[in-house]
Amino acid sequence: MSFPSAKIKLILFFLLSACINQAQAQAETQNQMKKQMKKQLHIIIPGGAGGGWDTTARSVGEALSRTGIVGNTSYENLSGGDGSKAIAHLIETADRQANTLMITSTPIILRSLKNIFPQSYKDLTPIATVIADYGAFVVRADSPYKTWNDVIKDAKKHPRKVNVAGGSAKGSMDHVVAALAYKKSGLDPKSLKYIPYNAGAKALVGLLSGETQVLSTGLSEVLALAQQGEVRILASTAPKRIVAAPNVATLKELNIDMEFTNWRGFFAAPKMNDSQIKEFHQVLEAMYKRPEWQKIRMSRGWNDLYIKGEDFKIFLAQQEKELTALLKELGFYPAKITAVSEEV
């Protein structure tokens, strides 16, 4: 039996040492990444300050900082291209975005289906939803409309006199939700006279000034105004009344078979490894268990909706299927619609 020479032993020793050092370096890199995650989280927001995405992102960051789950949270508002600028940036700089999440919501599916931008949620790494918001139909406090059925009754008689405002383009979420409510209430959805505004705040001004009679928007966006007596919420698209708005009827209560949920959640850069994804899940799950987050969430009128990982992917695929069918049914698909800003 022969034994390796001293030279061969030396070579084997160096090879083994190199393998061990490489493994140790990889382990150290992963440990540093985890430590860095706990120290800092960067959130990309595909719209301007004050919108639904911005509010949700900063609320999550506030909860993470207050609880000490993340030492520091930074934000980057990247408006442009109806959200596509932020998506493209996250994809193009993926190798530098290990500690970055991007906030988005249901419109990423709607816009992709309508070819408003070339990317879709499938080009990113879905992490988790964090909240659910619902559609709401709102009138001025002095409006003659007391219930949603009053709107429908008037629209049947004078369809062109009932102007429904929304903070986004035709074929976008405000429009689709209102059109679906019309259809489920027995009206032709194409008879809806939808007035698009460039942002929800402008749509609200249109309502308060009398330019329009009804506003289609997110429920959480108008809760404070309703509590102050400036507007009245006729109905919501929630499956049941929510705690933050116990006096707001649902369409289902009015025997209208409709509900619609707008989720808001986070995506990471493409091709994230399992360790990084797991770290994001741990951060968000830890936040969800803390009373600081629940207090912030309830003050905003948001509802719990935490779906992560593979379940989130399944959820997205199902919603994409449902929205495709809905857009076809309403005549908005596959026609291409030019969009205006929609930050929800």
Protein backbone atom coordinates (compact mmCIF):
# COMPACT_ATOMS: atom_id res chain seq x y z
CA MET A 1 0.00 0.00 0.00
CA SER A 2 1.43 3.35 -1.04
CA PHE A 3 1.00 6.65 0.77
CA PRO A 4 0.85 10.15 -0.73
CA SER A 5 4.13 11.96 -0.92
CA ALA A 6 4.76 15.01 1.25
CA LYS A 7 4.19 17.26 -1.78
CA ILE A 8 0.80 15.71 -2.54
CA LYS A 9 -0.16 15.96 1.13
CA LEU A 10 0.71 19.63 1.07
CA ILE A 11 -1.44 20.21 -2.02
CA LEU A 12 -4.36 18.34 -0.47
CA PHE A 13 -3.94 20.37 2.71
CA PHE A 14 -4.13 23.66 0.82
CA LEU A 15 -7.17 22.50 -1.20
CA LEU A 16 -8.97 21.43 1.95
CA SER A 17 -8.06 24.70 3.65
CA ALA A 18 -9.38 26.67 0.67
CA CYS A 19 -12.70 24.79 0.77
CA ILE A 20 -13.05 25.38 4.51
CA ASN A 21 -12.19 29.06 4.13
CA GLN A 22 -14.71 29.46 1.30
CA ALA A 23 -17.45 27.80 3.37
CA GLN A 24 -16.58 30.00 6.35
CA ALA A 25 -16.64 33.10 4.13
CA GLN A 26 -20.07 32.18 2.75
CA ALA A 27 -21.39 31.57 6.26
CA GLU A 28 -19.96 34.88 7.43
CA THR A 29 -21.54 36.70 4.47
CA GLN A 30 -24.95 35.20 5.31
CA ASN A 31 -24.55 36.14 8.98
CA GLN A 32 -23.59 39.68 8.05
CA MET A 33 -26.60 39.89 5.73
CA LYS A 34 -28.92 38.80 8.54
CA LYS A 35 -27.34 41.26 10.97
CA GLN A 36 -27.60 44.01 8.38
CA MET A 37 -31.28 43.17 7.82
CA LYS A 38 -31.91 43.70 11.52
CA LYS A 39 -30.03 46.97 11.39
CA GLN A 40 -31.54 48.39 8.21
CA LEU A 41 -34.42 47.86 5.79
CA HIS A 42 -34.90 49.90 2.63
CA ILE A 43 -38.41 50.29 1.14
CA ILE A 44 -39.07 51.43 -2.41
CA ILE A 45 -42.38 53.23 -2.92
CA PRO A 46 -43.65 53.38 -6.56
CA GLY A 47 -45.50 56.69 -5.98
CA GLY A 48 -45.32 60.05 -4.29
CA ALA A 49 -45.69 61.06 -0.67
CA GLY A 50 -49.11 60.76 0.92
CA GLY A 51 -50.54 58.04 -1.34
CA GLY A 52 -51.74 54.64 -0.21
CA TRP A 53 -48.43 52.93 -0.97
CA ASP A 54 -46.45 55.63 0.83
CA THR A 55 -48.69 55.54 3.90
CA THR A 56 -48.54 51.75 4.17
CA ALA A 57 -44.77 51.57 3.66
CA ARG A 58 -44.06 54.23 6.29
CA SER A 59 -46.53 52.70 8.74
CA VAL A 60 -44.81 49.32 8.45
CA GLY A 61 -41.42 51.01 8.84
CA GLU A 62 -42.65 52.87 11.90
CA ALA A 63 -43.85 49.63 13.51
CA LEU A 64 -40.56 47.87 12.74
CA SER A 65 -38.54 50.72 14.24
CA ARG A 66 -40.73 51.14 17.31
CA THR A 67 -40.47 47.47 18.16
CA GLY A 68 -36.73 47.30 17.48
CA ILE A 69 -37.19 44.50 14.93
CA VAL A 70 -35.31 46.68 12.45
CA GLY A 71 -32.90 49.31 13.66
CA ASN A 72 -33.40 51.73 10.78
CA THR A 73 -35.85 51.91 7.88
CA SER A 74 -35.20 54.13 4.88
CA TYR A 75 -37.61 55.04 2.10
CA GLU A 76 -37.27 55.86 -1.58
CA ASN A 77 -40.20 57.37 -3.49
CA LEU A 78 -39.79 56.41 -7.16
CA SER A 79 -42.77 57.82 -9.05
CA GLY A 80 -43.15 57.37 -12.76
CA GLY A 81 -44.65 55.11 -15.37
CA ASP A 82 -47.60 54.25 -13.13
CA GLY A 83 -45.30 52.17 -10.95
CA SER A 84 -43.13 50.72 -13.71
CA LYS A 85 -40.14 52.97 -12.91
CA ALA A 86 -39.82 51.45 -9.43
CA ILE A 87 -40.30 47.90 -10.70
CA ALA A 88 -37.68 48.36 -13.43
CA HIS A 89 -35.24 49.86 -10.92
CA LEU A 90 -35.66 46.94 -8.53
CA ILE A 91 -35.08 44.44 -11.34
CA GLU A 92 -32.09 46.25 -12.86
CA THR A 93 -30.32 46.73 -9.50
CA ALA A 94 -31.28 43.35 -8.01
CA ASP A 95 -27.72 42.45 -7.04
CA ARG A 96 -27.59 45.52 -4.74
CA GLN A 97 -31.04 45.13 -3.19
CA ALA A 98 -30.57 42.35 -0.62
CA ASN A 99 -32.20 44.42 2.13
CA THR A 100 -34.84 46.10 -0.04
CA LEU A 101 -38.59 45.60 -0.31
CA MET A 102 -41.04 47.31 -2.65
CA ILE A 103 -44.61 48.10 -1.60
CA THR A 104 -47.38 47.60 -4.16
CA SER A 105 -50.99 46.44 -4.40
CA THR A 106 -53.73 45.04 -6.63
CA PRO A 107 -53.10 47.52 -9.50
CA ILE A 108 -49.80 45.78 -10.33
CA ILE A 109 -52.00 42.98 -11.71
CA LEU A 110 -54.51 45.29 -13.40
CA ARG A 111 -51.81 47.34 -15.12
CA SER A 112 -49.95 44.27 -16.28
CA LEU A 113 -53.11 42.79 -17.75
CA LYS A 114 -53.78 46.02 -19.61
CA ASN A 115 -50.20 46.29 -20.92
CA ILE A 116 -49.75 49.65 -19.21
CA PHE A 117 -46.26 48.45 -18.34
CA PRO A 118 -44.34 45.40 -19.55
CA GLN A 119 -43.49 43.89 -16.17
CA SER A 120 -45.71 41.84 -13.87
CA TYR A 121 -45.53 40.54 -10.31
CA LYS A 122 -43.95 37.38 -11.77
CA ASP A 123 -40.78 39.35 -12.52
CA LEU A 124 -40.25 39.99 -8.79
CA THR A 125 -40.07 37.86 -5.64
CA PRO A 126 -43.43 37.94 -3.79
CA ILE A 127 -42.85 38.20 -0.03
CA ALA A 128 -46.18 38.88 1.71
CA THR A 129 -49.34 40.95 1.89
CA VAL A 130 -49.72 43.02 5.05
CA ILE A 131 -53.15 44.68 4.89
CA ALA A 132 -56.49 44.63 3.12
CA ASP A 133 -58.45 47.70 2.11
CA TYR A 134 -61.89 47.76 0.54
CA GLY A 135 -63.68 49.89 -2.00
CA ALA A 136 -66.09 52.57 -0.80
CA PHE A 137 -68.76 54.72 -2.42
CA VAL A 138 -68.88 58.19 -0.95
CA VAL A 139 -71.10 61.28 -1.24
CA ARG A 140 -71.07 64.75 0.24
CA ALA A 141 -72.61 65.13 3.68
CA ASP A 142 -75.52 67.11 2.19
CA SER A 143 -76.13 64.70 -0.70
CA PRO A 144 -79.69 63.55 -1.34
CA TYR A 145 -78.32 60.01 -1.67
CA LYS A 146 -78.73 58.26 1.67
CA THR A 147 -77.94 54.71 0.51
CA TRP A 148 -76.27 53.01 -2.45
CA ASN A 149 -79.71 51.97 -3.65
CA ASP A 150 -80.60 55.67 -4.03
CA VAL A 151 -77.68 56.04 -6.43
CA ILE A 152 -78.83 53.03 -8.45
CA LYS A 153 -82.41 54.25 -8.56
CA ASP A 154 -81.32 57.64 -9.90
CA ALA A 155 -78.84 56.10 -12.34
CA LYS A 156 -81.58 53.96 -13.83
CA LYS A 157 -83.65 57.07 -14.53
CA HIS A 158 -80.85 59.49 -15.47
CA PRO A 159 -77.65 57.51 -16.13
CA ARG A 160 -75.76 60.47 -17.62
CA LYS A 161 -76.52 62.76 -14.66
CA VAL A 162 -74.82 60.57 -12.05
CA ASN A 163 -71.11 61.32 -12.25
CA VAL A 164 -68.87 58.89 -10.39
CA ALA A 165 -65.38 60.19 -9.64
CA GLY A 166 -62.19 58.20 -9.16
CA GLY A 167 -58.56 59.06 -8.57
CA SER A 168 -57.29 57.06 -11.52
CA ALA A 169 -57.83 56.40 -15.21
CA LYS A 170 -60.65 54.59 -16.95
CA GLY A 171 -60.12 50.86 -16.69
CA SER A 172 -58.19 51.18 -13.41
CA MET A 173 -59.28 49.98 -9.99
CA ASP A 174 -61.60 52.85 -8.98
CA HIS A 175 -63.38 52.48 -12.32
CA VAL A 176 -63.50 48.67 -12.30
CA VAL A 177 -64.91 48.53 -8.75
CA ALA A 178 -67.63 51.09 -9.55
CA ALA A 179 -68.51 49.37 -12.84
CA LEU A 180 -68.76 46.01 -11.11
CA ALA A 181 -71.02 47.52 -8.44
CA TYR A 182 -73.25 48.89 -11.20
CA LYS A 183 -73.39 45.50 -12.90
CA LYS A 184 -74.16 43.63 -9.68
CA SER A 185 -76.87 46.21 -8.93
CA GLY A 186 -78.67 45.46 -12.19
CA LEU A 187 -77.25 48.21 -14.40
CA ASP A 188 -75.21 48.04 -17.59
CA PRO A 189 -71.62 48.70 -16.38
CA LYS A 190 -70.96 50.60 -19.59
CA SER A 191 -73.66 53.11 -18.59
CA LEU A 192 -71.46 54.27 -15.71
CA LYS A 193 -70.37 57.89 -16.24
CA TYR A 194 -66.92 57.69 -14.72
CA ILE A 195 -64.90 60.90 -14.25
CA PRO A 196 -61.14 60.20 -13.84
CA TYR A 197 -58.97 62.52 -11.77
CA ASN A 198 -55.20 62.54 -11.49
CA ALA A 199 -54.99 61.36 -7.84
CA GLY A 200 -57.51 60.61 -5.11
CA ALA A 201 -57.20 64.02 -3.45
CA LYS A 202 -58.29 65.73 -6.68
CA ALA A 203 -61.21 63.33 -7.04
CA LEU A 204 -62.30 64.22 -3.50
CA VAL A 205 -62.18 67.93 -4.38
CA GLY A 206 -64.34 67.17 -7.41
CA LEU A 207 -66.90 65.52 -5.13
CA LEU A 208 -66.91 68.28 -2.51
CA SER A 209 -67.16 71.01 -5.18
CA GLY A 210 -70.21 69.37 -6.75
CA GLU A 211 -68.53 68.41 -10.03
CA THR A 212 -69.42 64.80 -9.29
CA GLN A 213 -72.08 63.14 -7.18
CA VAL A 214 -70.32 59.95 -6.03
CA LEU A 215 -66.70 59.03 -5.31
CA SER A 216 -65.27 55.53 -5.81
CA THR A 217 -62.20 55.14 -3.58
CA GLY A 218 -60.57 53.10 -0.83
CA LEU A 219 -62.48 52.84 2.44
CA SER A 220 -59.50 53.77 4.60
CA GLU A 221 -58.93 56.94 2.55
CA VAL A 222 -62.23 58.50 3.64
CA LEU A 223 -62.82 57.21 7.17
CA ALA A 224 -61.43 60.33 8.86
CA LEU A 225 -63.47 62.65 6.64
CA ALA A 226 -66.61 60.64 7.36
CA GLN A 227 -65.96 60.84 11.11
CA GLN A 228 -65.57 64.61 10.76
CA GLY A 229 -68.93 64.81 9.01
CA GLU A 230 -67.55 66.10 5.70
CA VAL A 231 -68.66 63.10 3.65
CA ARG A 232 -70.99 60.12 4.00
CA ILE A 233 -69.96 56.59 3.06
CA LEU A 234 -72.89 54.81 1.41
CA ALA A 235 -71.42 51.32 1.22
CA SER A 236 -68.21 49.31 1.15
CA THR A 237 -67.08 46.25 -0.79
CA ALA A 238 -65.96 44.42 2.37
CA PRO A 239 -67.34 40.91 3.03
CA LYS A 240 -68.69 42.19 6.37
CA ARG A 241 -68.70 45.43 8.35
CA ILE A 242 -65.28 46.33 9.67
CA VAL A 243 -64.46 47.44 13.21
CA ALA A 244 -63.19 50.86 12.12
CA ALA A 245 -66.44 51.62 10.24
CA PRO A 246 -69.27 49.89 12.11
CA ASN A 247 -71.94 52.16 10.59
CA VAL A 248 -70.96 51.55 6.98
CA ALA A 249 -73.13 48.96 5.27
CA THR A 250 -71.64 46.44 2.88
CA LEU A 251 -73.03 45.86 -0.58
CA LYS A 252 -73.74 42.29 0.47
CA GLU A 253 -76.06 43.60 3.19
CA LEU A 254 -77.98 45.42 0.45
CA ASN A 255 -78.45 42.09 -1.39
CA ILE A 256 -75.81 43.00 -3.95
CA ASP A 257 -73.56 40.00 -4.50
CA MET A 258 -70.22 41.76 -4.59
CA GLU A 259 -67.06 42.10 -2.55
CA PHE A 260 -63.66 43.41 -3.58
CA THR A 261 -60.38 43.42 -1.65
CA ASN A 262 -57.40 45.61 -2.44
CA TRP A 263 -54.32 44.06 -0.83
CA ARG A 264 -51.10 45.90 -0.16
CA GLY A 265 -47.92 43.95 0.24
CA PHE A 266 -44.21 43.64 -0.36
CA PHE A 267 -42.02 42.23 -3.11
CA ALA A 268 -38.27 41.74 -3.19
CA ALA A 269 -35.86 41.79 -6.12
CA PRO A 270 -35.92 38.80 -8.49
CA LYS A 271 -33.94 35.62 -7.77
CA MET A 272 -33.75 36.09 -4.01
CA ASN A 273 -32.38 33.01 -2.29
CA ASP A 274 -34.37 31.07 0.30
CA SER A 275 -32.33 32.44 3.20
CA GLN A 276 -33.07 36.05 2.25
CA ILE A 277 -36.76 35.32 1.72
CA LYS A 278 -36.97 33.60 5.08
CA GLU A 279 -35.39 36.62 6.74
CA PHE A 280 -38.02 38.94 5.24
CA HIS A 281 -40.78 36.61 6.47
CA GLN A 282 -39.33 36.56 9.98
CA VAL A 283 -39.19 40.36 10.09
CA LEU A 284 -42.81 40.85 8.97
CA GLU A 285 -44.17 38.02 11.12
CA ALA A 286 -42.44 39.43 14.19
CA MET A 287 -44.03 42.82 13.47
CA TYR A 288 -47.48 41.30 13.04
CA LYS A 289 -47.38 39.85 16.55
CA ARG A 290 -46.63 43.18 18.21
CA PRO A 291 -49.34 45.48 19.61
CA GLU A 292 -47.54 48.51 18.13
CA TRP A 293 -48.40 47.33 14.63
CA GLN A 294 -51.99 46.49 15.54
CA LYS A 295 -52.45 49.98 16.97
CA ILE A 296 -51.10 51.61 13.81
CA ARG A 297 -53.15 49.33 11.56
CA MET A 298 -56.41 49.97 13.39
CA SER A 299 -55.85 53.73 13.47
CA ARG A 300 -55.66 53.63 9.67
CA GLY A 301 -58.78 51.53 9.27
CA TRP A 302 -56.84 48.69 7.66
CA ASN A 303 -57.71 45.03 7.99
CA ASP A 304 -55.36 42.12 8.64
CA LEU A 305 -54.31 40.21 5.56
CA TYR A 306 -51.02 38.38 5.99
CA ILE A 307 -50.30 35.89 3.22
CA LYS A 308 -46.68 34.91 2.60
CA GLY A 309 -44.44 32.89 0.29
CA GLU A 310 -46.01 30.19 -1.82
CA ASP A 311 -49.48 30.99 -0.50
CA PHE A 312 -49.00 34.57 -1.69
CA LYS A 313 -48.02 33.32 -5.16
CA ILE A 314 -51.18 31.18 -5.31
CA PHE A 315 -53.27 34.14 -4.11
CA LEU A 316 -51.79 36.38 -6.82
CA ALA A 317 -52.39 33.83 -9.57
CA GLN A 318 -56.01 33.43 -8.49
CA GLN A 319 -56.59 37.19 -8.38
CA GLU A 320 -55.01 37.57 -11.81
CA LYS A 321 -57.41 34.96 -13.16
CA GLU A 322 -60.43 36.64 -11.54
CA LEU A 323 -59.44 40.13 -12.71
CA THR A 324 -58.88 38.89 -16.25
CA ALA A 325 -62.41 37.47 -16.31
CA LEU A 326 -63.80 40.65 -14.75
CA LEU A 327 -62.10 42.96 -17.23
CA LYS A 328 -63.37 40.85 -20.12
CA GLU A 329 -66.88 40.88 -18.66
CA LEU A 330 -66.84 44.66 -18.30
CA GLY A 331 -65.38 45.20 -21.76
CA PHE A 332 -62.07 46.66 -20.54
CA TYR A 333 -59.86 43.79 -21.70
CA PRO A 334 -57.78 43.31 -23.80
CA ALA A 335 -58.11 46.92 -24.98
CA LYS A 336 -55.14 49.08 -23.95
CA ILE A 337 -55.95 51.97 -21.63
CA THR A 338 -53.72 55.02 -21.09
CA ALA A 339 -53.34 55.43 -17.35
CA VAL A 340 -52.90 58.35 -15.02
CA SER A 341 -51.42 58.19 -11.54
CA GLU A 342 -52.99 55.58 -9.31
CA GLU A 343 -51.38 55.16 -5.92
CA VAL A 344 -53.43 52.71 -3.92
